[in-house]
């Protein structure tokens, strides 16, 4: 009789753990279809509009920001050997708050999460500070998942004749304000 208890208790605990793990895997699995397909942003048209109107503001809408983020993630994933892979992404903007819905894969485990970032602009850099993580209605601390602030220096992608002076987050758009050397700008568009 004692032998049944010796084997029965560990097997019961193991069975409960296996059932719990399977339940968690099914709970966090993606419910939406997201991908990393993107279109190139038509920078030439945007710059020509700036030259024609002589306004030093470039507006990126939510779709263009999505395309830029997807392109950046696709390039970063290809260049680095990360332990996880982002398979899909959708970004939503609401003033200075950005919600990134993502499908992430670790080995054979796939999960869907929504990460909320606070956006700010400081000294020429865009700062994205994680505020919360939501997995199927369960909130987690960004520090629990070791999410860190993201710093983007968009000035490194611009010619020297264009300097970013400010970024404004309005509704579902990002407005980038520039200081431009107008005499040298047309030479870049040839």
Protein backbone atom coordinates (compact mmCIF):
# COMPACT_ATOMS: atom_id res chain seq x y z
CA UNK A 1 0.00 0.00 0.00
CA UNK A 2 2.84 2.43 0.78
CA UNK A 3 4.43 1.75 -2.61
CA UNK A 4 1.33 3.07 -4.39
CA UNK A 5 1.58 6.33 -2.45
CA UNK A 6 5.30 6.65 -3.15
CA UNK A 7 4.71 6.47 -6.92
CA UNK A 8 1.23 7.96 -6.96
CA UNK A 9 2.00 11.35 -5.42
CA UNK A 10 4.93 12.28 -7.73
CA UNK A 11 3.02 11.04 -10.79
CA UNK A 12 -0.04 13.09 -9.79
CA UNK A 13 2.12 16.21 -9.30
CA UNK A 14 3.81 15.60 -12.66
CA UNK A 15 0.44 15.14 -14.37
CA UNK A 16 -0.87 18.39 -12.85
CA UNK A 17 2.27 20.25 -14.01
CA UNK A 18 1.95 18.86 -17.55
CA UNK A 19 -1.72 19.84 -17.72
CA UNK A 20 -0.89 23.33 -16.40
CA UNK A 21 1.90 23.78 -18.97
CA UNK A 22 -0.35 22.66 -21.85
CA UNK A 23 -3.05 25.04 -20.57
CA UNK A 24 -0.60 27.96 -20.47
CA UNK A 25 0.66 27.20 -23.99
CA UNK A 26 -2.90 27.17 -25.35
CA UNK A 27 -3.78 30.30 -23.37
CA UNK A 28 -0.93 32.47 -24.75
CA UNK A 29 -1.07 31.24 -28.35
CA UNK A 30 -1.88 33.92 -30.93
CA UNK A 31 -5.50 34.65 -31.75
CA UNK A 32 -4.82 37.22 -34.50
CA UNK A 33 -3.06 36.97 -37.84
CA UNK A 34 -0.13 39.41 -37.89
CA UNK A 35 2.84 39.51 -40.24
CA UNK A 36 5.98 41.50 -41.04
CA UNK A 37 5.00 42.44 -44.61
CA UNK A 38 5.62 46.10 -45.32
CA UNK A 39 5.69 48.69 -48.09
CA UNK A 40 8.54 51.14 -48.57
CA UNK A 41 7.72 54.68 -47.48
CA UNK A 42 7.77 57.11 -50.42
CA UNK A 43 10.39 59.50 -49.02
CA UNK A 44 10.99 61.31 -52.30
CA UNK A 45 7.36 62.44 -52.53
CA UNK A 46 7.41 63.55 -48.90
CA UNK A 47 10.61 65.55 -49.43
CA UNK A 48 9.32 67.09 -52.67
CA UNK A 49 6.18 68.20 -50.81
CA UNK A 50 8.40 69.78 -48.14
CA UNK A 51 10.34 71.66 -50.83
CA UNK A 52 7.18 72.81 -52.63
CA UNK A 53 5.44 74.02 -49.47
CA UNK A 54 8.68 75.05 -47.73
CA UNK A 55 7.32 73.54 -44.54
CA UNK A 56 9.84 71.83 -42.35
CA UNK A 57 7.41 69.25 -41.00
CA UNK A 58 7.25 65.65 -42.14
CA UNK A 59 4.15 63.70 -41.13
CA UNK A 60 4.14 59.93 -40.80
CA UNK A 61 0.78 58.24 -40.39
CA UNK A 62 0.13 55.06 -38.44
CA UNK A 63 0.46 52.84 -41.54
CA UNK A 64 3.84 54.34 -42.47
CA UNK A 65 5.11 53.91 -38.91
CA UNK A 66 3.93 50.29 -39.03
CA UNK A 67 5.86 49.79 -42.29
CA UNK A 68 9.03 51.35 -40.86
CA UNK A 69 8.80 49.27 -37.67
CA UNK A 70 8.24 46.04 -39.60
CA UNK A 71 11.16 46.81 -41.90
CA UNK A 72 13.40 47.54 -38.92
CA UNK A 73 12.41 44.34 -37.13
CA UNK A 74 12.89 42.24 -40.26
CA UNK A 75 16.38 43.70 -40.80
CA UNK A 76 17.33 43.40 -37.12
CA UNK A 77 16.16 39.80 -36.88
CA UNK A 78 18.19 38.86 -39.95
CA UNK A 79 21.30 40.61 -38.60
CA UNK A 80 21.28 39.26 -35.03
CA UNK A 81 20.92 35.80 -33.61
CA UNK A 82 18.16 36.41 -31.07
CA UNK A 83 16.69 33.65 -28.93
CA UNK A 84 13.22 34.72 -30.05
CA UNK A 85 11.69 35.82 -33.32
CA UNK A 86 8.98 38.40 -33.94
CA UNK A 87 6.65 36.88 -36.54
CA UNK A 88 4.05 39.64 -36.76
CA UNK A 89 3.47 43.21 -35.67
CA UNK A 90 0.75 45.86 -35.66
CA UNK A 91 1.27 49.30 -34.15
CA UNK A 92 -1.42 51.69 -32.98
CA UNK A 93 -0.75 55.28 -31.96
CA UNK A 94 -2.71 57.40 -29.53
CA UNK A 95 -0.94 60.71 -28.93
CA UNK A 96 2.32 59.89 -27.10
CA UNK A 97 1.33 56.29 -26.44
CA UNK A 98 2.10 53.43 -28.81
CA UNK A 99 0.63 49.95 -28.53
CA UNK A 100 2.57 47.23 -30.32
CA UNK A 101 0.67 43.99 -30.86
CA UNK A 102 3.23 41.30 -31.61
CA UNK A 103 3.42 37.59 -32.25
CA UNK A 104 6.65 36.25 -30.77
CA UNK A 105 8.16 32.80 -31.16
CA UNK A 106 10.64 31.14 -28.77
CA UNK A 107 11.60 27.78 -30.20
CA UNK A 108 8.26 26.07 -30.85
CA UNK A 109 6.34 28.27 -28.37
CA UNK A 110 4.32 31.11 -29.93
CA UNK A 111 2.66 33.91 -27.98
CA UNK A 112 0.75 37.09 -28.70
CA UNK A 113 1.30 40.17 -26.56
CA UNK A 114 0.41 43.84 -26.56
CA UNK A 115 3.16 46.14 -25.28
CA UNK A 116 2.32 49.76 -24.46
CA UNK A 117 5.15 52.28 -24.85
CA UNK A 118 5.34 55.92 -23.80
CA UNK A 119 6.87 58.01 -26.62
CA UNK A 120 9.04 61.06 -26.08
CA UNK A 121 11.64 63.09 -27.94
CA UNK A 122 14.86 64.19 -26.28
CA UNK A 123 18.09 65.54 -27.75
CA UNK A 124 17.37 64.35 -31.28
CA UNK A 125 16.33 60.86 -30.23
CA UNK A 126 12.99 59.10 -30.07
CA UNK A 127 12.56 57.31 -26.73
CA UNK A 128 10.15 54.40 -26.30
CA UNK A 129 9.68 53.41 -22.67
CA UNK A 130 7.68 50.22 -22.01
CA UNK A 131 4.72 50.87 -19.70
CA UNK A 132 2.84 47.58 -19.68
CA UNK A 133 2.57 44.16 -21.29
CA UNK A 134 -0.75 42.42 -21.83
CA UNK A 135 -1.03 38.75 -22.74
CA UNK A 136 -4.65 37.75 -23.35
CA UNK A 137 -5.97 40.13 -20.68
CA UNK A 138 -3.29 39.41 -18.11
CA UNK A 139 -1.05 42.39 -17.31
CA UNK A 140 2.63 41.83 -16.72
CA UNK A 141 5.38 44.20 -15.72
CA UNK A 142 7.80 45.04 -18.55
CA UNK A 143 10.68 44.38 -16.13
CA UNK A 144 9.42 40.82 -15.60
CA UNK A 145 10.01 40.18 -19.32
CA UNK A 146 13.24 42.21 -19.22
CA UNK A 147 11.89 44.81 -21.67
CA UNK A 148 14.03 47.91 -21.76
CA UNK A 149 13.57 51.36 -23.18
CA UNK A 150 14.28 51.68 -26.89
CA UNK A 151 16.26 54.65 -28.16
CA UNK A 152 16.01 55.48 -31.86
CA UNK A 153 18.29 58.06 -33.46
CA UNK A 154 16.50 58.94 -36.72
CA UNK A 155 19.06 61.64 -37.48
CA UNK A 156 21.61 58.99 -38.44
CA UNK A 157 19.50 58.16 -41.51
CA UNK A 158 19.25 61.74 -42.73
CA UNK A 159 21.65 63.76 -44.85
CA UNK A 160 23.63 66.43 -43.03
CA UNK A 161 21.51 69.23 -44.55
CA UNK A 162 18.51 68.05 -42.51
CA UNK A 163 18.44 68.13 -38.70
CA UNK A 164 15.54 66.96 -36.53
CA UNK A 165 14.50 69.64 -34.04
CA UNK A 166 11.32 68.17 -32.55
CA UNK A 167 8.78 65.37 -32.76
CA UNK A 168 5.11 65.78 -31.96
CA UNK A 169 2.76 62.87 -31.32
CA UNK A 170 -0.74 63.88 -32.38
CA UNK A 171 -3.69 61.53 -32.74
CA UNK A 172 -2.47 58.75 -35.01
CA UNK A 173 0.45 60.63 -36.56
CA UNK A 174 4.04 61.48 -35.85
CA UNK A 175 5.07 64.98 -36.94
CA UNK A 176 8.81 65.44 -37.33
CA UNK A 177 10.08 69.01 -37.37
CA UNK A 178 13.30 69.80 -39.18
CA UNK A 179 15.87 72.50 -39.64
CA UNK A 180 16.72 72.37 -43.36
CA UNK A 181 19.41 73.94 -45.50
CA UNK A 182 17.07 74.75 -48.41
CA UNK A 183 19.87 75.61 -50.80
CA UNK A 184 21.42 72.14 -50.59
CA UNK A 185 18.19 70.10 -50.40
CA UNK A 186 17.25 70.10 -54.15
CA UNK A 187 20.64 68.53 -54.94
CA UNK A 188 19.65 65.48 -52.88
CA UNK A 189 16.51 64.88 -54.95
CA UNK A 190 18.23 64.29 -58.27
